[in-house]
């Protein structure tokens, strides 16, 4: 979101919210930001990658896969 958009949003909120409502929104924004910071993506470990590959290879050997045609057909069906 651009700075101009954020500034406009803040101006709107300043003009419409009471001090108590502004405090409530601020507290919830801070809480959400902290939650998202704790859930940031992290690189996979080599062990995790090896486990994912082993699972994928086992699924493939068990016949649990889709052909290209099946994937494209499903994609077209969902987008309609």
C-alpha atoms as a PDB file:
ATOM      1  CA  UNK A   1       0.000   0.000   0.000  1.00  0.00           C
ATOM      2  CA  UNK A   2       1.403   3.392  -0.886  1.00  0.00           C
ATOM      3  CA  UNK A   3       2.256   6.060   1.666  1.00  0.00           C
ATOM      4  CA  UNK A   4      -0.378   8.375   0.192  1.00  0.00           C
ATOM      5  CA  UNK A   5      -3.040   5.682   0.595  1.00  0.00           C
ATOM      6  CA  UNK A   6      -1.988   4.993   4.175  1.00  0.00           C
ATOM      7  CA  UNK A   7      -2.008   8.715   4.953  1.00  0.00           C
ATOM      8  CA  UNK A   8      -5.516   9.046   3.526  1.00  0.00           C
ATOM      9  CA  UNK A   9      -6.661   6.078   5.565  1.00  0.00           C
ATOM     10  CA  UNK A  10      -5.186   7.570   8.737  1.00  0.00           C
ATOM     11  CA  UNK A  11      -6.833  10.930   8.038  1.00  0.00           C
ATOM     12  CA  UNK A  12     -10.158   9.164   7.586  1.00  0.00           C
ATOM     13  CA  UNK A  13      -9.745   7.217  10.831  1.00  0.00           C
ATOM     14  CA  UNK A  14      -8.693  10.334  12.757  1.00  0.00           C
ATOM     15  CA  UNK A  15     -11.847  12.071  11.568  1.00  0.00           C
ATOM     16  CA  UNK A  16     -14.243   9.229  12.359  1.00  0.00           C
ATOM     17  CA  UNK A  17     -12.951   7.349  15.417  1.00  0.00           C
ATOM     18  CA  UNK A  18     -13.194   8.346  19.022  1.00  0.00           C
ATOM     19  CA  UNK A  19      -9.990   8.235  21.107  1.00  0.00           C
ATOM     20  CA  UNK A  20     -11.129   4.935  22.663  1.00  0.00           C
ATOM     21  CA  UNK A  21     -11.783   3.429  19.235  1.00  0.00           C
ATOM     22  CA  UNK A  22      -8.396   4.652  17.968  1.00  0.00           C
ATOM     23  CA  UNK A  23      -6.703   3.013  20.961  1.00  0.00           C
ATOM     24  CA  UNK A  24      -8.612  -0.233  20.330  1.00  0.00           C
ATOM     25  CA  UNK A  25      -7.623  -0.284  16.632  1.00  0.00           C
ATOM     26  CA  UNK A  26      -4.000   0.533  17.496  1.00  0.00           C
ATOM     27  CA  UNK A  27      -3.764  -2.260  20.055  1.00  0.00           C
ATOM     28  CA  UNK A  28      -5.219  -4.775  17.610  1.00  0.00           C
ATOM     29  CA  UNK A  29      -2.893  -3.657  14.815  1.00  0.00           C
ATOM     30  CA  UNK A  30       0.134  -4.052  17.097  1.00  0.00           C
ATOM     31  CA  UNK A  31      -1.072  -7.480  18.262  1.00  0.00           C
ATOM     32  CA  UNK A  32      -1.579  -8.633  14.666  1.00  0.00           C
ATOM     33  CA  UNK A  33       1.833  -7.289  13.585  1.00  0.00           C
ATOM     34  CA  UNK A  34       3.552  -9.194  16.418  1.00  0.00           C
ATOM     35  CA  UNK A  35       1.679 -12.377  15.477  1.00  0.00           C
ATOM     36  CA  UNK A  36       2.681 -12.089  11.819  1.00  0.00           C
ATOM     37  CA  UNK A  37       6.300 -11.348  12.715  1.00  0.00           C
ATOM     38  CA  UNK A  38       6.402 -14.565  14.747  1.00  0.00           C
ATOM     39  CA  UNK A  39       4.959 -16.540  11.833  1.00  0.00           C
ATOM     40  CA  UNK A  40       7.405 -15.286   9.213  1.00  0.00           C
ATOM     41  CA  UNK A  41       8.626 -17.718   6.638  1.00  0.00           C
ATOM     42  CA  UNK A  42      11.862 -19.425   7.398  1.00  0.00           C
ATOM     43  CA  UNK A  43      14.113 -21.511   5.185  1.00  0.00           C
ATOM     44  CA  UNK A  44      13.562 -25.267   5.211  1.00  0.00           C
ATOM     45  CA  UNK A  45      16.214 -27.405   6.851  1.00  0.00           C
ATOM     46  CA  UNK A  46      17.881 -30.108   4.764  1.00  0.00           C
ATOM     47  CA  UNK A  47      16.095 -32.687   6.915  1.00  0.00           C
ATOM     48  CA  UNK A  48      12.701 -31.132   6.108  1.00  0.00           C
ATOM     49  CA  UNK A  49      13.527 -31.060   2.392  1.00  0.00           C
ATOM     50  CA  UNK A  50      14.625 -34.704   2.464  1.00  0.00           C
ATOM     51  CA  UNK A  51      11.399 -35.692   4.274  1.00  0.00           C
ATOM     52  CA  UNK A  52       9.242 -33.809   1.746  1.00  0.00           C
ATOM     53  CA  UNK A  53      11.072 -35.469  -1.149  1.00  0.00           C
ATOM     54  CA  UNK A  54      10.682 -38.908   0.442  1.00  0.00           C
ATOM     55  CA  UNK A  55       6.929 -38.326   0.881  1.00  0.00           C
ATOM     56  CA  UNK A  56       6.559 -37.086  -2.700  1.00  0.00           C
ATOM     57  CA  UNK A  57       8.499 -40.044  -4.115  1.00  0.00           C
ATOM     58  CA  UNK A  58       6.407 -42.503  -2.072  1.00  0.00           C
ATOM     59  CA  UNK A  59       3.181 -40.868  -3.273  1.00  0.00           C
ATOM     60  CA  UNK A  60       4.393 -41.011  -6.880  1.00  0.00           C
ATOM     61  CA  UNK A  61       5.307 -44.700  -6.576  1.00  0.00           C
ATOM     62  CA  UNK A  62       1.842 -45.349  -5.088  1.00  0.00           C
ATOM     63  CA  UNK A  63       0.263 -43.702  -8.148  1.00  0.00           C
ATOM     64  CA  UNK A  64      -0.925 -40.645  -6.243  1.00  0.00           C
ATOM     65  CA  UNK A  65      -0.356 -38.006  -8.883  1.00  0.00           C
ATOM     66  CA  UNK A  66      -2.119 -36.110 -11.656  1.00  0.00           C
ATOM     67  CA  UNK A  67      -1.086 -35.924 -15.284  1.00  0.00           C
ATOM     68  CA  UNK A  68      -0.581 -32.551 -16.985  1.00  0.00           C
ATOM     69  CA  UNK A  69      -3.919 -32.929 -18.750  1.00  0.00           C
ATOM     70  CA  UNK A  70      -5.707 -33.628 -15.465  1.00  0.00           C
ATOM     71  CA  UNK A  71      -4.129 -30.583 -13.818  1.00  0.00           C
ATOM     72  CA  UNK A  72      -5.022 -28.262 -16.706  1.00  0.00           C
ATOM     73  CA  UNK A  73      -8.561 -29.675 -16.894  1.00  0.00           C
ATOM     74  CA  UNK A  74      -9.037 -29.106 -13.148  1.00  0.00           C
ATOM     75  CA  UNK A  75      -7.594 -25.578 -13.441  1.00  0.00           C
ATOM     76  CA  UNK A  76      -9.962 -24.689 -16.288  1.00  0.00           C
ATOM     77  CA  UNK A  77     -12.922 -26.157 -14.410  1.00  0.00           C
ATOM     78  CA  UNK A  78     -12.139 -24.146 -11.256  1.00  0.00           C
ATOM     79  CA  UNK A  79     -11.563 -20.832 -13.073  1.00  0.00           C
ATOM     80  CA  UNK A  80     -14.929 -20.979 -14.874  1.00  0.00           C
END
